[in-house]
Protein backbone atom coordinates (compact mmCIF):
# COMPACT_ATOMS: atom_id res chain seq x y z
CA UNK A 1 122.65 79.18 113.38
CA UNK A 2 125.57 78.26 111.11
CA UNK A 3 128.14 75.58 111.87
CA UNK A 4 130.91 78.06 112.56
CA UNK A 5 128.79 80.43 114.59
CA UNK A 6 128.00 77.46 116.86
CA UNK A 7 131.65 76.44 116.98
CA UNK A 8 132.72 80.01 117.78
CA UNK A 9 130.18 80.31 120.58
CA UNK A 10 131.24 76.96 122.03
CA UNK A 11 134.96 77.76 121.87
CA UNK A 12 134.43 81.13 123.52
CA UNK A 13 132.62 79.40 126.39
CA UNK A 14 135.33 76.74 126.53
CA UNK A 15 138.10 79.33 126.84
CA UNK A 16 136.27 81.38 129.43
CA UNK A 17 135.37 78.38 131.59
CA UNK A 18 138.74 76.60 131.42
CA UNK A 19 140.71 79.73 132.29
CA UNK A 20 138.30 80.68 135.07
CA UNK A 21 138.77 77.24 136.68
CA UNK A 22 142.45 78.02 137.25
CA UNK A 23 141.78 81.28 139.06
CA UNK A 24 143.71 83.22 136.42
CA UNK A 25 142.32 85.83 134.05
CA UNK A 26 145.17 86.43 131.57
CA UNK A 27 146.20 84.41 128.51
CA UNK A 28 149.11 84.53 126.07
CA UNK A 29 149.28 83.33 122.47
CA UNK A 30 152.30 82.92 120.23
CA UNK A 31 151.42 84.85 117.09
CA UNK A 32 153.24 83.74 113.94
CA UNK A 33 151.20 85.40 111.23
CA UNK A 34 149.82 82.00 110.24
CA UNK A 35 146.25 80.76 110.13
CA UNK A 36 146.19 78.72 113.36
CA UNK A 37 147.55 81.35 115.72
CA UNK A 38 145.41 83.98 114.01
CA UNK A 39 142.22 82.03 114.70
CA UNK A 40 143.18 81.38 118.34
CA UNK A 41 144.11 85.04 118.83
CA UNK A 42 140.78 86.26 117.45
CA UNK A 43 138.81 83.79 119.59
CA UNK A 44 140.81 84.81 122.67
CA UNK A 45 140.33 88.51 121.94
CA UNK A 46 136.57 88.00 121.91
CA UNK A 47 136.71 86.48 125.39
CA UNK A 48 139.62 88.11 127.21
CA UNK A 49 139.91 91.55 125.55
CA UNK A 50 142.86 93.39 127.14
CA UNK A 51 143.74 90.31 129.20
CA UNK A 52 145.11 88.71 126.04
CA UNK A 53 148.76 89.24 125.10
CA UNK A 54 150.05 87.98 121.77
CA UNK A 55 153.79 87.40 121.47
CA UNK A 56 155.53 87.55 118.09
CA UNK A 57 158.77 85.56 118.22
CA UNK A 58 160.60 85.98 114.92
CA UNK A 59 163.97 84.59 113.95
CA UNK A 60 166.19 85.26 110.94
CA UNK A 61 164.14 82.59 109.14
CA UNK A 62 160.86 84.49 109.60
CA UNK A 63 159.48 86.07 106.46
CA UNK A 64 158.61 89.76 106.51
CA UNK A 65 155.17 88.88 105.15
CA UNK A 66 154.47 86.78 108.28
CA UNK A 67 155.38 89.69 110.55
CA UNK A 68 153.28 92.06 108.44
CA UNK A 69 150.31 89.68 108.56
CA UNK A 70 150.57 89.39 112.34
CA UNK A 71 150.65 93.18 112.67
CA UNK A 72 147.63 93.54 110.38
CA UNK A 73 145.66 91.03 112.45
CA UNK A 74 146.44 92.93 115.65
CA UNK A 75 145.33 96.21 114.08
CA UNK A 76 142.14 94.70 112.66
CA UNK A 77 141.03 93.15 115.96
CA UNK A 78 142.60 95.51 118.51
CA UNK A 79 144.91 92.84 119.92
CA UNK A 80 147.73 93.67 122.33
CA UNK A 81 151.03 92.29 121.06
CA UNK A 82 154.76 92.45 121.74
CA UNK A 83 157.76 91.18 119.78
CA UNK A 84 160.48 89.05 121.34
CA UNK A 85 163.06 87.80 118.86
CA UNK A 86 164.54 84.34 119.49
CA UNK A 87 167.65 85.11 117.41
CA UNK A 88 169.83 85.90 120.43
CA UNK A 89 169.24 82.31 121.59
CA UNK A 90 169.03 80.56 118.23
CA UNK A 91 172.08 81.93 116.41
CA UNK A 92 174.73 81.07 119.06
CA UNK A 93 173.49 77.48 119.20
CA UNK A 94 173.54 77.24 115.41
CA UNK A 95 177.10 78.56 115.43
CA UNK A 96 178.08 75.85 117.90
CA UNK A 97 176.43 73.19 115.73
CA UNK A 98 177.28 73.90 112.08
CA UNK A 99 176.11 70.39 111.12
CA UNK A 100 172.54 71.10 112.28
CA UNK A 101 169.96 69.89 109.76
CA UNK A 102 166.54 71.44 109.18
CA UNK A 103 164.73 69.01 111.50
CA UNK A 104 166.95 69.91 114.45
CA UNK A 105 166.84 73.58 113.53
CA UNK A 106 163.05 73.56 113.33
CA UNK A 107 162.63 71.70 116.63
CA UNK A 108 165.04 74.06 118.37
CA UNK A 109 163.23 77.12 117.04
CA UNK A 110 159.85 75.74 118.19
CA UNK A 111 161.19 74.99 121.67
CA UNK A 112 162.85 78.38 122.03
CA UNK A 113 159.55 80.01 121.16
CA UNK A 114 157.74 77.94 123.75
CA UNK A 115 160.37 78.75 126.41
CA UNK A 116 159.78 82.40 125.63
CA UNK A 117 156.02 82.06 125.67
CA UNK A 118 155.88 80.23 129.00
CA UNK A 119 158.21 82.83 130.51
CA UNK A 120 155.83 85.54 129.31
CA UNK A 121 152.98 83.59 130.87
CA UNK A 122 154.83 83.48 134.21
CA UNK A 123 155.58 87.19 134.00
CA UNK A 124 151.93 88.02 133.33
CA UNK A 125 150.25 85.35 135.49
CA UNK A 126 148.72 83.95 132.34
CA UNK A 127 147.90 80.66 130.66
CA UNK A 128 149.43 79.67 127.33
CA UNK A 129 146.83 78.93 124.66
CA UNK A 130 147.74 76.24 122.14
CA UNK A 131 147.54 76.66 118.37
CA UNK A 132 147.95 73.09 117.09
CA UNK A 133 145.08 71.82 114.94
CA UNK A 134 143.78 68.24 114.74
CA UNK A 135 145.55 67.50 111.46
CA UNK A 136 148.92 68.34 113.00
CA UNK A 137 148.15 66.50 116.23
CA UNK A 138 147.04 63.33 114.47
CA UNK A 139 150.03 63.31 112.11
CA UNK A 140 152.53 64.25 114.80
CA UNK A 141 153.45 67.31 112.76
CA UNK A 142 154.70 69.37 115.67
CA UNK A 143 157.51 69.58 118.19
CA UNK A 144 157.16 67.89 121.56
CA UNK A 145 157.65 70.54 124.28
CA UNK A 146 157.64 73.09 121.47
CA UNK A 147 154.56 74.21 119.56
CA UNK A 148 152.62 71.22 120.96
CA UNK A 149 152.96 72.58 124.50
CA UNK A 150 150.14 74.64 126.00
CA UNK A 151 147.76 74.84 128.94
CA UNK A 152 144.56 74.96 126.86
CA UNK A 153 144.01 74.29 123.16
CA UNK A 154 140.79 75.58 121.58
CA UNK A 155 141.44 74.31 118.03
CA UNK A 156 142.89 70.85 118.69
CA UNK A 157 139.69 69.13 117.50
CA UNK A 158 139.45 71.12 114.26
CA UNK A 159 141.14 69.79 111.14
CA UNK A 160 143.30 72.28 109.23
CA UNK A 161 140.68 72.69 106.50
CA UNK A 162 138.12 73.53 109.21
CA UNK A 163 140.49 76.10 110.71
CA UNK A 164 140.55 77.82 107.32
CA UNK A 165 136.76 77.86 107.23
CA UNK A 166 136.56 79.20 110.78
CA UNK A 167 139.06 81.90 109.86
CA UNK A 168 136.79 82.97 107.01
CA UNK A 169 133.84 83.17 109.40
CA UNK A 170 135.83 85.20 111.95
CA UNK A 171 136.98 87.70 109.33
CA UNK A 172 140.69 86.92 109.43
CA UNK A 173 142.52 88.86 106.73
CA UNK A 174 142.70 87.28 103.26
CA UNK A 175 146.51 87.57 103.23
CA UNK A 176 146.68 85.06 106.09
CA UNK A 177 144.02 82.73 104.68
CA UNK A 178 145.41 82.61 101.14
CA UNK A 179 149.15 82.13 101.78
CA UNK A 180 150.77 78.66 101.85
CA UNK A 181 150.97 77.23 105.39
CA UNK A 182 154.43 77.58 106.92
CA UNK A 183 155.90 77.84 110.41
CA UNK A 184 158.98 79.69 109.04
CA UNK A 185 161.23 77.17 110.78
CA UNK A 186 163.91 77.43 108.08
CA UNK A 187 164.34 79.15 104.74
CA UNK A 188 161.60 78.15 102.31
CA UNK A 189 159.85 75.80 104.73
CA UNK A 190 156.32 74.80 103.68
CA UNK A 191 154.01 72.53 105.68
CA UNK A 192 152.36 70.78 102.75
CA UNK A 193 155.69 70.16 101.03
CA UNK A 194 156.98 68.61 104.27
CA UNK A 195 153.97 66.31 104.46
CA UNK A 196 153.91 65.56 100.76
CA UNK A 197 150.20 66.24 100.29
CA UNK A 198 147.72 69.10 100.59
CA UNK A 199 145.79 69.52 103.82
CA UNK A 200 142.56 69.17 101.85
CA UNK A 201 143.57 65.67 100.73
CA UNK A 202 144.97 64.69 104.12
CA UNK A 203 141.93 65.91 106.02
CA UNK A 204 139.49 64.13 103.73
CA UNK A 205 141.29 60.83 104.31
CA UNK A 206 141.75 61.37 108.05
CA UNK A 207 138.07 62.11 108.57
CA UNK A 208 137.17 58.83 106.90
CA UNK A 209 139.70 56.92 109.01
CA UNK A 210 139.42 58.71 112.37
CA UNK A 211 135.85 60.03 112.50
CA UNK A 212 133.99 57.51 110.32
CA UNK A 213 136.25 54.58 111.35
CA UNK A 214 136.29 53.11 107.87
CA UNK A 215 138.73 50.36 106.98
CA UNK A 216 141.66 51.00 104.66
CA UNK A 217 139.88 49.11 101.91
CA UNK A 218 136.70 51.17 102.30
CA UNK A 219 138.66 54.43 102.22
CA UNK A 220 140.65 53.44 99.12
CA UNK A 221 137.37 52.43 97.42
CA UNK A 222 136.26 56.04 97.90
CA UNK A 223 139.14 57.21 95.75
CA UNK A 224 141.73 58.06 98.40
CA UNK A 225 145.34 57.51 97.34
CA UNK A 226 146.59 54.28 98.93
CA UNK A 227 150.15 55.52 99.47
CA UNK A 228 148.92 58.67 101.20
CA UNK A 229 146.60 56.65 103.40
CA UNK A 230 149.44 54.35 104.47
CA UNK A 231 151.51 57.43 105.34
CA UNK A 232 148.66 58.89 107.40
CA UNK A 233 148.00 55.70 109.37
CA UNK A 234 151.71 55.15 109.94
CA UNK A 235 152.17 58.70 111.25
CA UNK A 236 149.10 58.52 113.50
CA UNK A 237 150.43 55.48 115.35
CA UNK A 238 154.13 56.36 115.18
CA UNK A 239 153.48 59.74 116.79
CA UNK A 240 150.93 58.69 119.40
CA UNK A 241 153.54 59.32 122.12
CA UNK A 242 153.35 63.04 121.35
CA UNK A 243 149.71 63.02 122.41
CA UNK A 244 150.39 61.36 125.78
CA UNK A 245 152.18 62.24 128.99
CA UNK A 246 155.51 60.44 129.60
CA UNK A 247 155.15 56.81 130.68
CA UNK A 248 155.93 56.30 134.38
CA UNK A 249 157.27 52.96 135.59
CA UNK A 250 154.67 51.50 137.95
CA UNK A 251 156.11 50.54 141.36
CA UNK A 252 153.30 51.31 143.82
CA UNK A 253 149.58 50.63 144.13
CA UNK A 254 148.71 54.14 142.92
CA UNK A 255 150.84 55.45 140.09
CA UNK A 256 150.34 58.78 138.36
CA UNK A 257 148.66 58.37 134.96
CA UNK A 258 148.01 54.68 135.69
CA UNK A 259 145.55 54.47 138.57
CA UNK A 260 146.05 57.84 140.31
CA UNK A 261 143.86 59.81 137.93
CA UNK A 262 141.59 62.73 138.66
CA UNK A 263 139.91 65.32 136.43
CA UNK A 264 142.20 68.24 135.66
CA UNK A 265 139.91 70.72 137.43
CA UNK A 266 139.32 68.69 140.61
CA UNK A 267 138.98 70.67 143.84
CA UNK A 268 138.89 69.69 147.50
């Protein structure tokens, strides 16, 4: 049994069990035409069939190729999908804030998409499936209460390079696998240009630091660029707050997230 056949089988069981615990049967996925949402959509289709709804949420910054790739994926795998443009929300706010830079614009777009997606989940009595991979989560390369928000995330422990390999195994179209990673948050936006390094280089270094727990000196001795490694470590710790719930000031003997903690799926 290959690595990715085992991973696929495990993630299918994970999705089925975690959704079943909630008493719901429907799920929604934001489909961008990119590699991460494509992989999650295909995994979800295997488990939930017609109980999966993918939502395409383009803006005037979305490339036509991304929309075409999303449509091709839905045709290839028989996925139900709808399109809900965020332009009617995004453009008026941009007009009110002509000084908006790309960071603000990208964060706003991500949050508008998540507002839309959670509304679709309420409409359809569904859970939102996350599409953030481990590389993004470790580096904080995502928007708090935007693309980082979800009820369940099946790919959050897969590095970006592993998501590409899983996509190959699942038969995701080559047009999605081969194109440069981008969330289409503004004109010409490219993930690897934002980060300054390729995901292949970043993932190699992160695995040594996070999984193997090597020291900086040991990692650099293996040929990893020292400046990139410093950037990675700095981002991991600087963005740790994005991986945690908000801190609550402790005033009582049992404070939520301090000492009032139960498993997520606890029942009476």
